Amino acid sequence: MDRGEKRRAAWASIHGKHPSQEKAARPYLGLRFDCCGVYARAYRNHDRTAYVGRCPRCGGSVRVRIGAEGVSSRFFRVI
């Protein structure tokens, strides 16, 4: 058993799972903020009613509601 395998086995014994087992993906929208020309993600809120995000440079906020009449696109431009 090499050093890496020993580390993975030790990690699994402490945490009860293998490190390669990933968490469930957290839903997000990709946003391009025109105000500062940067990309950021908006993550779904705990109530599952909207995606909420902020511009990483200026702090401008955006809230995208989730509804039955929505669209399937995952990337948006914030003007």
N, C-alpha and C. Protein backbone atom coordinates (compact mmCIF):
# COMPACT_ATOMS: atom_id res chain seq x y z
N MET A 1 0.86 -1.18 0.00
CA MET A 1 0.00 0.00 0.00
C MET A 1 0.91 1.23 0.00
N ASP A 2 0.69 2.11 -0.99
CA ASP A 2 1.52 3.31 -1.03
C ASP A 2 0.99 4.38 -0.08
N ARG A 3 1.71 5.46 0.01
CA ARG A 3 1.39 6.53 0.96
C ARG A 3 0.01 7.15 0.72
N GLY A 4 -0.33 7.38 -0.56
CA GLY A 4 -1.63 7.96 -0.90
C GLY A 4 -2.78 7.04 -0.51
N GLU A 5 -2.62 5.75 -0.75
CA GLU A 5 -3.66 4.79 -0.38
C GLU A 5 -3.85 4.74 1.12
N LYS A 6 -2.76 4.84 1.87
CA LYS A 6 -2.85 4.85 3.34
C LYS A 6 -3.61 6.08 3.82
N ARG A 7 -3.33 7.24 3.19
CA ARG A 7 -4.03 8.47 3.57
C ARG A 7 -5.53 8.36 3.30
N ARG A 8 -5.88 7.83 2.13
CA ARG A 8 -7.29 7.68 1.79
C ARG A 8 -8.00 6.71 2.73
N ALA A 9 -7.33 5.62 3.10
CA ALA A 9 -7.92 4.65 4.02
C ALA A 9 -8.11 5.28 5.41
N ALA A 10 -7.14 6.07 5.86
CA ALA A 10 -7.25 6.75 7.16
C ALA A 10 -8.40 7.75 7.13
N TRP A 11 -8.51 8.51 6.05
CA TRP A 11 -9.58 9.50 5.92
C TRP A 11 -10.94 8.81 5.96
N ALA A 12 -11.06 7.68 5.25
CA ALA A 12 -12.33 6.94 5.21
C ALA A 12 -12.69 6.39 6.58
N SER A 13 -11.70 5.95 7.35
CA SER A 13 -12.00 5.40 8.67
C SER A 13 -12.46 6.49 9.63
N ILE A 14 -11.96 7.70 9.46
CA ILE A 14 -12.36 8.82 10.33
C ILE A 14 -13.73 9.34 9.94
N HIS A 15 -13.96 9.55 8.64
CA HIS A 15 -15.18 10.19 8.17
C HIS A 15 -16.27 9.23 7.73
N GLY A 16 -15.98 7.96 7.67
CA GLY A 16 -17.00 6.98 7.33
C GLY A 16 -17.34 6.86 5.86
N LYS A 17 -16.59 7.52 4.99
CA LYS A 17 -16.81 7.39 3.56
C LYS A 17 -15.52 7.68 2.82
N HIS A 18 -15.50 7.32 1.59
CA HIS A 18 -14.31 7.52 0.76
C HIS A 18 -14.28 8.97 0.28
N PRO A 19 -13.11 9.62 0.23
CA PRO A 19 -13.06 11.02 -0.19
C PRO A 19 -13.53 11.27 -1.62
N SER A 20 -13.55 10.24 -2.46
CA SER A 20 -13.99 10.45 -3.83
C SER A 20 -15.52 10.51 -3.94
N GLN A 21 -16.24 10.16 -2.87
CA GLN A 21 -17.70 10.28 -2.88
C GLN A 21 -18.04 11.76 -2.76
N GLU A 22 -18.65 12.31 -3.80
CA GLU A 22 -18.93 13.74 -3.82
C GLU A 22 -20.27 14.05 -3.16
N LYS A 23 -20.37 15.30 -2.69
CA LYS A 23 -21.64 15.78 -2.16
C LYS A 23 -22.61 15.98 -3.31
N ALA A 24 -23.88 16.09 -2.98
CA ALA A 24 -24.88 16.38 -4.00
C ALA A 24 -24.60 17.77 -4.57
N ALA A 25 -24.74 17.91 -5.86
CA ALA A 25 -24.47 19.19 -6.52
C ALA A 25 -25.45 20.25 -6.02
N ARG A 26 -24.95 21.44 -5.76
CA ARG A 26 -25.79 22.55 -5.29
C ARG A 26 -26.23 23.36 -6.51
N PRO A 27 -27.52 23.48 -6.75
CA PRO A 27 -28.02 24.19 -7.95
C PRO A 27 -27.59 25.65 -7.98
N TYR A 28 -27.20 26.12 -9.17
CA TYR A 28 -26.79 27.51 -9.33
C TYR A 28 -27.10 27.99 -10.74
N LEU A 29 -27.09 29.32 -10.90
CA LEU A 29 -27.18 29.96 -12.20
C LEU A 29 -25.86 30.68 -12.43
N GLY A 30 -25.39 30.70 -13.65
CA GLY A 30 -24.21 31.47 -14.01
C GLY A 30 -24.64 32.87 -14.41
N LEU A 31 -24.00 33.88 -13.84
CA LEU A 31 -24.36 35.27 -14.11
C LEU A 31 -23.16 36.06 -14.59
N ARG A 32 -23.35 36.84 -15.65
CA ARG A 32 -22.33 37.76 -16.14
C ARG A 32 -22.80 39.16 -15.79
N PHE A 33 -22.11 39.81 -14.84
CA PHE A 33 -22.48 41.15 -14.40
C PHE A 33 -21.85 42.18 -15.32
N ASP A 34 -22.68 42.92 -16.09
CA ASP A 34 -22.18 43.95 -16.99
C ASP A 34 -21.63 45.15 -16.24
N CYS A 35 -22.09 45.37 -15.01
CA CYS A 35 -21.64 46.52 -14.23
C CYS A 35 -20.12 46.51 -14.04
N CYS A 36 -19.54 45.35 -13.81
CA CYS A 36 -18.10 45.23 -13.57
C CYS A 36 -17.41 44.26 -14.51
N GLY A 37 -18.17 43.64 -15.42
CA GLY A 37 -17.59 42.72 -16.38
C GLY A 37 -17.05 41.44 -15.75
N VAL A 38 -17.74 40.91 -14.75
CA VAL A 38 -17.28 39.70 -14.06
C VAL A 38 -18.36 38.62 -14.07
N TYR A 39 -17.93 37.39 -13.83
CA TYR A 39 -18.82 36.24 -13.75
C TYR A 39 -18.97 35.84 -12.28
N ALA A 40 -20.17 35.42 -11.90
CA ALA A 40 -20.41 34.91 -10.55
C ALA A 40 -21.56 33.90 -10.63
N ARG A 41 -21.75 33.20 -9.55
CA ARG A 41 -22.85 32.24 -9.46
C ARG A 41 -23.92 32.75 -8.50
N ALA A 42 -25.17 32.42 -8.82
CA ALA A 42 -26.29 32.69 -7.92
C ALA A 42 -26.81 31.32 -7.48
N TYR A 43 -26.80 31.07 -6.18
CA TYR A 43 -27.22 29.78 -5.65
C TYR A 43 -28.67 29.83 -5.19
N ARG A 44 -29.33 28.69 -5.24
CA ARG A 44 -30.73 28.58 -4.83
C ARG A 44 -30.84 28.79 -3.32
N ASN A 45 -31.85 29.55 -2.90
CA ASN A 45 -32.05 29.79 -1.47
C ASN A 45 -32.63 28.55 -0.80
N HIS A 46 -32.66 28.56 0.52
CA HIS A 46 -33.12 27.39 1.28
C HIS A 46 -34.60 27.09 1.08
N ASP A 47 -35.38 28.12 0.79
CA ASP A 47 -36.82 27.93 0.56
C ASP A 47 -37.12 27.40 -0.84
N ARG A 48 -36.10 27.35 -1.70
CA ARG A 48 -36.23 26.91 -3.09
C ARG A 48 -37.20 27.76 -3.88
N THR A 49 -37.23 29.05 -3.58
CA THR A 49 -38.13 29.96 -4.28
C THR A 49 -37.39 30.89 -5.23
N ALA A 50 -36.06 31.01 -5.09
CA ALA A 50 -35.30 31.93 -5.93
C ALA A 50 -33.81 31.59 -5.90
N TYR A 51 -33.11 32.11 -6.91
CA TYR A 51 -31.65 32.08 -6.92
C TYR A 51 -31.18 33.47 -6.51
N VAL A 52 -30.20 33.54 -5.63
CA VAL A 52 -29.73 34.82 -5.10
C VAL A 52 -28.23 34.93 -5.31
N GLY A 53 -27.78 36.08 -5.82
CA GLY A 53 -26.35 36.29 -6.04
C GLY A 53 -25.97 37.75 -5.93
N ARG A 54 -24.65 37.99 -5.87
CA ARG A 54 -24.11 39.35 -5.78
C ARG A 54 -22.92 39.50 -6.71
N CYS A 55 -22.74 40.70 -7.23
CA CYS A 55 -21.56 41.01 -8.02
C CYS A 55 -20.36 40.98 -7.07
N PRO A 56 -19.32 40.23 -7.40
CA PRO A 56 -18.17 40.13 -6.48
C PRO A 56 -17.36 41.41 -6.34
N ARG A 57 -17.53 42.36 -7.26
CA ARG A 57 -16.76 43.61 -7.17
C ARG A 57 -17.52 44.74 -6.51
N CYS A 58 -18.72 45.04 -7.03
CA CYS A 58 -19.45 46.20 -6.49
C CYS A 58 -20.52 45.83 -5.48
N GLY A 59 -20.87 44.54 -5.38
CA GLY A 59 -21.85 44.10 -4.40
C GLY A 59 -23.29 44.22 -4.84
N GLY A 60 -23.51 44.59 -6.11
CA GLY A 60 -24.87 44.66 -6.63
C GLY A 60 -25.55 43.30 -6.52
N SER A 61 -26.80 43.28 -6.10
CA SER A 61 -27.48 42.00 -5.87
C SER A 61 -28.49 41.70 -6.97
N VAL A 62 -28.78 40.40 -7.12
CA VAL A 62 -29.77 39.95 -8.08
C VAL A 62 -30.53 38.79 -7.44
N ARG A 63 -31.84 38.75 -7.74
CA ARG A 63 -32.71 37.67 -7.24
C ARG A 63 -33.54 37.20 -8.41
N VAL A 64 -33.44 35.89 -8.73
CA VAL A 64 -34.17 35.31 -9.85
C VAL A 64 -35.18 34.31 -9.28
N ARG A 65 -36.46 34.64 -9.43
CA ARG A 65 -37.52 33.78 -8.90
C ARG A 65 -37.60 32.46 -9.66
N ILE A 66 -38.02 31.42 -8.95
CA ILE A 66 -38.23 30.10 -9.55
C ILE A 66 -39.73 29.91 -9.69
N GLY A 67 -40.17 29.55 -10.89
CA GLY A 67 -41.60 29.36 -11.12
C GLY A 67 -41.86 28.38 -12.25
N ALA A 68 -43.11 27.97 -12.37
CA ALA A 68 -43.50 27.00 -13.39
C ALA A 68 -43.33 27.56 -14.80
N GLU A 69 -43.45 28.87 -14.96
CA GLU A 69 -43.34 29.50 -16.28
C GLU A 69 -41.90 29.86 -16.63
N GLY A 70 -40.93 29.33 -15.91
CA GLY A 70 -39.52 29.67 -16.08
C GLY A 70 -38.91 29.15 -17.37
N VAL A 71 -37.60 29.37 -17.49
CA VAL A 71 -36.85 28.96 -18.67
C VAL A 71 -35.83 27.90 -18.29
N SER A 72 -35.32 27.19 -19.26
CA SER A 72 -34.36 26.13 -18.97
C SER A 72 -32.91 26.61 -19.02
N SER A 73 -32.67 27.84 -19.39
CA SER A 73 -31.31 28.37 -19.49
C SER A 73 -30.66 28.45 -18.10
N ARG A 74 -29.35 28.23 -18.02
CA ARG A 74 -28.64 28.25 -16.74
C ARG A 74 -27.67 29.43 -16.64
N PHE A 75 -27.50 30.21 -17.74
CA PHE A 75 -26.57 31.32 -17.74
C PHE A 75 -27.28 32.58 -18.21
N PHE A 76 -27.04 33.69 -17.51
CA PHE A 76 -27.74 34.93 -17.78
C PHE A 76 -26.78 36.11 -17.71
N ARG A 77 -27.17 37.17 -18.39
CA ARG A 77 -26.43 38.43 -18.36
C ARG A 77 -27.22 39.43 -17.52
N VAL A 78 -26.56 40.00 -16.50
CA VAL A 78 -27.21 40.96 -15.60
C VAL A 78 -26.82 42.36 -16.07
N ILE A 79 -27.81 43.13 -16.49
CA ILE A 79 -27.56 44.48 -17.01
C ILE A 79 -27.74 45.50 -15.92
